[in-house]
Protein backbone atom coordinates (compact mmCIF):
# COMPACT_ATOMS: atom_id res chain seq x y z
CA MET A 1 -17.53 28.04 15.05
CA LEU A 2 -14.95 25.32 14.92
CA ILE A 3 -13.49 24.41 11.52
CA PHE A 4 -11.34 21.27 10.94
CA ALA A 5 -9.19 21.97 7.93
CA GLY A 6 -6.94 19.44 6.27
CA ILE A 7 -3.60 20.64 4.73
CA GLY A 8 -2.72 17.68 2.67
CA LEU A 9 0.47 15.84 2.53
CA SER A 10 2.97 18.36 0.86
CA GLY A 11 3.01 21.48 2.94
CA PRO A 12 2.05 24.84 1.42
CA ASP A 13 1.59 23.28 -2.12
CA SER A 14 -1.46 21.16 -0.98
CA ILE A 15 -3.13 23.87 1.14
CA THR A 16 -6.33 24.58 -0.97
CA LYS A 17 -7.51 28.03 -1.73
CA GLU A 18 -10.59 27.33 0.41
CA VAL A 19 -8.38 26.71 3.48
CA GLU A 20 -6.36 29.96 2.79
CA VAL A 21 -9.55 31.89 2.71
CA LEU A 22 -10.61 30.37 6.00
CA ILE A 23 -7.39 31.14 7.62
CA ASP A 24 -7.59 34.70 6.51
CA SER A 25 -10.97 35.10 8.01
CA ALA A 26 -10.39 33.13 11.28
CA GLU A 27 -10.01 34.75 14.58
CA HIS A 28 -7.77 31.97 16.00
CA ILE A 29 -5.79 29.39 14.06
CA TYR A 30 -4.20 26.36 15.59
CA VAL A 31 -2.13 23.57 14.06
CA GLU A 32 -1.50 20.04 15.42
CA ARG A 33 1.30 18.12 14.05
CA TYR A 34 1.80 15.27 16.63
CA THR A 35 1.11 12.64 13.89
CA SER A 36 3.76 14.02 11.49
CA PRO A 37 7.08 16.05 11.62
CA MET A 38 5.57 18.88 9.74
CA ASP A 39 7.53 22.20 9.08
CA LEU A 40 5.63 25.09 10.49
CA ASN A 41 7.65 27.64 8.54
CA PHE A 42 5.45 27.31 5.51
CA PHE A 43 2.71 29.23 7.45
CA GLN A 44 4.79 32.30 7.62
CA HIS A 45 3.96 33.44 4.07
CA MET A 46 0.27 33.72 5.10
CA ALA A 47 0.99 36.78 7.27
CA VAL A 48 -1.14 35.30 10.09
CA GLU A 49 -0.47 33.97 13.50
CA VAL A 50 -0.70 30.19 13.68
CA GLU A 51 -0.22 28.62 17.13
CA GLU A 52 0.80 25.08 17.51
CA VAL A 53 -1.03 22.94 20.00
CA THR A 54 -0.19 19.65 21.66
CA ARG A 55 -1.94 16.29 21.39
CA GLU A 56 -3.08 16.67 24.95
CA TYR A 57 -4.62 20.09 24.23
CA VAL A 58 -6.69 18.69 21.32
CA GLU A 59 -7.74 15.56 23.10
CA ASP A 60 -8.83 17.50 26.14
CA GLY A 61 -10.60 20.01 23.89
CA ARG A 62 -12.19 22.20 26.54
CA ALA A 63 -10.20 25.46 25.79
CA LEU A 64 -10.77 24.96 22.08
CA LEU A 65 -14.60 24.47 22.49
CA ASP A 66 -14.73 27.49 24.97
CA LEU A 67 -13.14 29.58 22.41
CA ALA A 68 -15.19 28.35 19.42
CA SER A 69 -18.47 29.06 21.30
CA ASN A 70 -18.17 32.79 20.34
CA LYS A 71 -15.18 32.96 17.99
CA THR A 72 -14.22 31.45 14.63
CA VAL A 73 -11.59 28.86 15.23
CA VAL A 74 -9.59 26.86 12.69
CA LEU A 75 -7.75 23.73 13.56
CA LEU A 76 -5.27 22.84 10.83
CA CYS A 77 -4.40 19.11 10.65
CA TYR A 78 -1.95 17.10 8.53
CA GLY A 79 -3.74 15.15 5.82
CA ASP A 80 -7.39 14.87 6.25
CA PRO A 81 -8.80 15.99 9.57
CA MET A 82 -11.48 13.24 9.95
CA VAL A 83 -8.89 10.41 9.70
CA ALA A 84 -8.18 11.03 13.28
CA THR A 85 -10.92 9.70 15.62
CA THR A 86 -9.93 12.53 18.22
CA HIS A 87 -11.15 15.13 15.81
CA ALA A 88 -14.40 13.29 15.19
CA GLU A 89 -14.92 13.03 18.92
CA LEU A 90 -14.16 16.76 19.37
CA ARG A 91 -16.76 17.59 16.58
CA ILE A 92 -19.44 15.64 18.39
CA ARG A 93 -18.72 17.50 21.62
CA ALA A 94 -18.90 20.91 19.81
CA GLU A 95 -22.29 20.13 18.31
CA ASN A 96 -23.55 18.76 21.66
CA ARG A 97 -22.67 22.25 23.02
CA GLY A 98 -24.53 24.06 20.12
CA ILE A 99 -21.13 25.11 18.50
CA SER A 100 -21.34 24.85 14.66
CA THR A 101 -18.62 22.96 13.02
CA ARG A 102 -17.26 22.47 9.44
CA VAL A 103 -14.89 20.13 7.91
CA VAL A 104 -12.62 20.84 4.94
CA HIS A 105 -11.29 17.61 3.56
CA ASN A 106 -7.83 17.02 1.92
CA ALA A 107 -5.75 14.13 0.74
CA SER A 108 -4.75 11.82 3.59
CA ILE A 109 -2.05 9.17 3.92
CA LEU A 110 -4.65 6.45 3.87
CA SER A 111 -6.48 7.74 0.87
CA SER A 112 -3.21 8.32 -1.15
CA LEU A 113 -1.61 4.96 -0.59
CA PRO A 114 -3.57 2.94 -3.16
CA GLY A 115 -2.75 5.46 -6.03
CA ALA A 116 0.95 5.64 -4.89
CA THR A 117 1.46 1.94 -4.69
CA GLY A 118 -0.89 0.61 -7.27
CA LEU A 119 -2.67 -1.54 -4.69
CA HIS A 120 -6.48 -1.60 -5.04
CA SER A 121 -8.17 0.60 -2.52
CA TYR A 122 -10.97 -1.84 -1.78
CA LYS A 123 -8.39 -4.50 -0.78
CA PHE A 124 -6.93 -2.49 2.12
CA GLY A 125 -7.96 -3.90 5.57
CA ARG A 126 -7.82 -2.32 9.01
CA SER A 127 -4.79 0.00 9.32
CA ALA A 128 -2.37 -0.69 12.33
CA THR A 129 0.21 1.55 14.17
CA ALA A 130 3.58 0.72 15.37
CA THR A 131 4.29 2.87 18.34
CA ILE A 132 7.47 4.25 20.19
CA GLY A 133 7.88 3.46 23.84
CA SER A 134 6.34 0.08 23.68
CA ASP A 135 7.14 -2.96 21.68
CA PRO A 136 6.60 -1.81 18.21
CA ALA A 137 5.49 -5.21 17.14
CA ALA A 138 3.07 -5.81 19.94
CA LEU A 139 0.74 -8.72 19.71
CA SER A 140 -2.20 -6.42 18.77
CA LEU A 141 -0.22 -5.21 15.74
CA TYR A 142 0.83 -8.75 14.80
CA TYR A 143 -2.70 -10.09 15.00
CA SER A 144 -3.97 -7.18 13.01
CA LEU A 145 -1.68 -8.29 10.31
CA HIS A 146 -2.72 -11.81 10.66
CA SER A 147 -6.42 -10.90 10.48
CA ASN A 148 -5.98 -8.93 7.31
CA LEU A 149 -3.83 -11.65 5.68
CA VAL A 150 -6.25 -14.50 6.23
CA ASN A 151 -8.75 -12.49 4.38
CA GLY A 152 -6.25 -11.67 1.62
CA LEU A 153 -6.21 -7.89 2.50
CA HIS A 154 -3.32 -5.43 2.51
CA THR A 155 -2.27 -3.69 5.77
CA PRO A 156 -0.94 -0.18 6.03
CA ILE A 157 1.24 0.23 9.23
CA LEU A 158 1.72 3.72 10.36
CA LEU A 159 4.95 4.32 12.15
CA ASP A 160 4.81 6.51 15.23
CA TYR A 161 6.23 9.95 15.52
CA ASN A 162 6.97 11.58 18.94
CA LEU A 163 6.73 15.35 18.52
CA ARG A 164 7.86 16.13 22.20
CA GLU A 165 11.08 14.10 21.86
CA ASN A 166 11.44 14.70 18.13
CA GLU A 167 11.72 10.78 17.87
CA HIS A 168 10.42 8.58 15.19
CA LEU A 169 10.12 4.83 14.67
CA THR A 170 12.26 3.86 11.66
CA PRO A 171 10.99 1.06 9.16
CA ASN A 172 14.17 -0.96 10.14
CA LYS A 173 13.23 -1.16 13.75
CA ALA A 174 9.61 -1.89 13.08
CA MET A 175 10.55 -4.66 10.63
CA VAL A 176 13.09 -6.32 13.02
CA ALA A 177 10.66 -6.23 15.89
CA LEU A 178 7.96 -7.84 13.72
CA LEU A 179 10.43 -10.55 12.66
CA ASP A 180 10.98 -11.13 16.44
CA ARG A 181 7.31 -11.41 17.04
CA GLU A 182 7.05 -13.90 14.16
CA GLY A 183 9.84 -15.97 15.87
CA GLU A 184 7.59 -16.25 18.92
CA GLN A 185 4.22 -16.78 17.22
CA SER A 186 5.31 -18.74 14.09
CA MET A 187 2.16 -17.99 12.20
CA GLY A 188 3.76 -17.01 8.85
CA VAL A 189 2.57 -13.55 9.05
CA PHE A 190 5.93 -11.61 8.77
CA LYS A 191 8.99 -13.49 7.42
CA LEU A 192 12.26 -12.53 5.63
CA ASP A 193 10.75 -13.48 2.35
CA SER A 194 7.54 -11.58 2.91
CA LEU A 195 6.81 -8.81 0.38
CA ILE A 196 6.81 -5.25 2.03
CA ILE A 197 6.30 -1.95 0.61
CA ILE A 198 7.92 1.16 2.36
CA VAL A 199 6.51 4.52 1.63
CA SER A 200 8.56 7.63 2.93
CA ARG A 201 7.50 11.21 2.89
CA LEU A 202 4.37 10.63 0.67
CA GLY A 203 3.27 13.63 -1.28
CA SER A 204 6.50 15.62 -0.82
CA VAL A 205 9.20 16.40 -3.35
CA HIS A 206 11.34 13.92 -1.42
CA GLU A 207 8.80 11.02 -1.72
CA ASP A 208 10.32 7.58 -1.83
CA ILE A 209 8.46 4.29 -2.37
CA VAL A 210 10.37 0.92 -2.41
CA GLY A 211 9.21 -2.59 -2.57
CA GLY A 212 10.97 -5.98 -1.93
CA SER A 213 11.37 -8.73 0.57
CA VAL A 214 11.71 -7.96 4.17
CA GLY A 215 15.12 -9.40 4.10
CA SER A 216 16.29 -7.24 1.25
CA LEU A 217 15.06 -3.97 2.84
CA LYS A 218 15.49 -4.31 6.67
CA ASP A 219 18.94 -2.89 6.55
CA ARG A 220 18.20 -0.10 4.07
CA GLU A 221 18.35 3.63 4.89
CA PHE A 222 14.99 5.44 4.37
CA GLY A 223 15.74 9.03 5.22
CA ASP A 224 13.47 11.36 7.10
CA PRO A 225 9.90 10.51 8.26
CA PRO A 226 7.01 10.09 8.05
CA TYR A 227 6.94 6.55 7.04
CA VAL A 228 4.24 3.93 6.33
CA LEU A 229 4.80 0.17 5.79
CA ILE A 230 2.46 -1.91 3.70
CA LEU A 231 2.16 -5.74 4.06
CA PRO A 232 0.28 -6.67 0.96
CA GLY A 233 -2.22 -9.58 1.06
CA LYS A 234 -3.47 -11.41 -2.04
CA LEU A 235 -2.47 -9.55 -5.18
CA HIS A 236 -4.49 -9.09 -8.34
CA PHE A 237 -2.46 -9.31 -11.57
CA THR A 238 -2.79 -5.60 -12.27
CA GLU A 239 -1.42 -4.95 -8.78
CA GLU A 240 1.53 -7.22 -9.46
CA GLU A 241 2.18 -5.42 -12.92
CA PHE A 242 2.23 -2.00 -11.07
CA LEU A 243 4.74 -3.22 -8.57
CA ARG A 244 6.99 -4.62 -11.23
CA THR A 245 6.56 -1.73 -13.78
CA ILE A 246 6.18 1.41 -11.68
CA LEU A 247 7.80 0.57 -8.32
CA LYS A 248 10.45 -1.61 -10.06
CA VAL A 249 10.03 -4.45 -7.61
CA GLU A 250 11.97 -7.41 -8.58
CA ASN A 251 9.81 -10.36 -9.79
CA SER A 252 11.13 -12.81 -7.41
CA PHE A 253 9.88 -10.62 -4.52
CA VAL A 254 6.22 -10.32 -5.83
CA LYS A 255 4.32 -12.78 -3.93
CA ASP A 256 1.05 -13.56 -2.12
CA ASN A 257 1.81 -12.94 1.62
CA SER A 258 -1.55 -14.59 2.59
CA ASP A 259 -0.57 -17.93 1.18
CA GLY A 260 -0.40 -20.37 3.95
CA VAL A 261 -1.40 -18.00 6.67
CA GLN A 262 -4.11 -19.91 8.68
CA LEU A 263 -6.95 -18.80 10.97
CA GLN A 264 -6.18 -19.39 14.68
CA ILE A 265 -9.21 -21.78 14.74
CA THR A 266 -7.72 -23.99 11.97
CA ARG A 267 -4.39 -24.22 13.92
CA MET A 268 -6.31 -25.27 17.02
CA LEU A 269 -8.25 -27.98 14.98
CA GLU A 270 -5.01 -29.30 13.57
CA LYS A 271 -3.80 -29.92 17.16
CA TYR A 272 -7.04 -30.99 18.74
CA ILE A 273 -8.40 -33.46 16.17
CA PRO A 274 -5.38 -35.65 16.17
CA LYS A 275 -5.19 -35.52 19.87
CA ALA A 276 -8.76 -36.67 20.28
CA THR A 277 -8.02 -39.43 17.72
CA GLN A 278 -5.11 -40.67 19.76
CA ALA A 279 -7.15 -40.48 23.00
CA LEU A 280 -9.91 -42.57 21.34
CA GLY A 281 -7.22 -45.21 20.33
CA ARG A 282 -5.99 -45.45 23.91
CA ALA A 283 -9.56 -45.74 25.16
CA ARG A 284 -10.28 -48.68 22.86
CA MET A 285 -7.20 -50.50 23.91
CA THR A 286 -8.04 -49.95 27.69
CA LEU A 287 -11.63 -51.10 27.37
CA GLU A 288 -10.59 -54.17 25.24
CA ARG A 289 -8.01 -55.09 27.78
CA ASN A 290 -10.72 -54.90 30.45
CA ALA A 291 -13.10 -56.99 28.44
CA ASN A 292 -15.76 -54.32 28.73
CA PRO A 293 -17.70 -54.02 25.46
CA LYS A 294 -20.73 -52.17 26.81
CA PHE A 295 -19.04 -48.84 26.14
CA ASN A 296 -18.42 -49.80 22.37
CA PRO A 297 -21.49 -47.78 21.19
CA LEU A 298 -20.29 -44.68 22.96
CA LEU A 299 -16.75 -45.05 21.33
CA THR A 300 -18.51 -45.32 17.98
CA ASN A 301 -20.12 -41.90 18.60
CA VAL A 302 -16.73 -40.49 19.63
CA GLU A 303 -15.29 -41.73 16.38
CA ALA A 304 -18.23 -40.21 14.52
CA TYR A 305 -17.72 -36.91 16.16
CA ILE A 306 -13.98 -36.77 15.25
CA LEU A 307 -14.79 -37.68 11.66
CA ASP A 308 -17.41 -34.89 11.56
CA ALA A 309 -14.88 -32.45 12.95
CA GLY A 310 -12.53 -33.38 9.95
CA HIS A 311 -15.35 -32.92 7.39
CA PHE A 312 -16.41 -29.64 8.87
CA LYS A 313 -12.78 -28.44 9.01
CA ARG A 314 -12.34 -29.18 5.37
CA ASP A 315 -15.58 -27.44 4.43
CA GLY A 316 -14.53 -24.31 6.39
CA ARG A 317 -17.44 -24.70 8.95
CA TYR A 318 -14.98 -24.23 11.71
CA GLU A 319 -17.45 -23.64 14.58
CA LEU A 320 -19.12 -26.95 13.93
CA ALA A 321 -15.76 -28.65 13.78
CA VAL A 322 -14.76 -27.24 17.19
CA LEU A 323 -18.31 -28.36 18.54
CA SER A 324 -17.68 -31.89 17.21
CA VAL A 325 -14.26 -32.22 18.75
CA GLY A 326 -15.68 -30.85 22.05
CA TYR A 327 -18.40 -33.53 22.00
CA ALA A 328 -15.82 -36.27 21.30
CA GLU A 329 -13.71 -35.15 24.20
CA GLY A 330 -16.69 -34.78 26.52
CA LEU A 331 -17.72 -38.45 25.96
CA LEU A 332 -14.21 -39.67 26.67
CA ASP A 333 -14.04 -37.50 29.75
CA ALA A 334 -17.33 -39.07 30.96
CA LEU A 335 -15.69 -42.34 30.74
CA ARG A 336 -12.72 -41.11 32.69
CA PHE A 337 -15.03 -39.58 35.49
CA LEU A 338 -16.77 -43.04 35.68
CA GLY A 339 -13.35 -44.65 36.38
CA GLU A 340 -13.50 -46.73 33.23
CA LEU A 341 -10.46 -44.97 31.81
CA GLU A 342 -7.20 -43.47 33.07
CA ILE A 343 -6.09 -41.38 30.10
CA GLU A 344 -4.52 -37.92 30.01
CA TRP A 345 -5.35 -35.40 27.24
């Protein structure tokens, strides 16, 4: 049997009685801590042997499954075990081999963040991870933030911890790198005046939660890991009240980060609609100069498509807006291919 047991966020104090009973009765006990710098000393009071395993050992899983085929094996995990997709995949493999499994849930960082910060749980979007060893503000992270913001959602950003090297990504490095990415992309996702919440060591006696602008916090010291950054989206008035009252966030820092953040498609339309309008104007001048009125009905259609694109954009019907611009450009291209126009887009 393979048992996935969560140990919560605060060490021995968050280990449930149920997990203690399972540990006492298990034949083999393993703990993985590659997601958080967890102190293993707190297992000593249990008078059982707990073996630490690496990320690669758990991801490979074959040795664990072989052992669990005829023994009771407990895999202890920081937080809640099923937050990690690796554990879910390992459970599927176990069941496919006829190995019975069980999950003992506990508090996870993701389930605890709403209560700790006052942000509504249903307004959290897809979580993101800033990693060590590559650009911590890679485009995938930046666009995850963008995607959540355009929908008014909050984004939890998990900061990587490298167990092997005992290295962690600090909130400072993550924020500076995200500012660098903003400088490249200029989509208004992560700016010096953006509201940010930084959660350190959630659930421990040394828990620290601060909020403010990126500019006011990027040079602050945050102590030991683990850390989570939260980039809030659109705030409900009760969320704003919690930030001001409980987290003591200055009123001037409480803002809607999603305000002004646009979908990529709207940015494209803001470029392509004026461009098509300018091309239509040049086409009209060229055909008038050549005294060739037979294409006037075609140009009228081009104008209608451009106007439609503007209407569709204002109504939020972006796919139709793009199609309309495409039709307008296609008609102008047809004239160019016929040799009637010499215009460049």
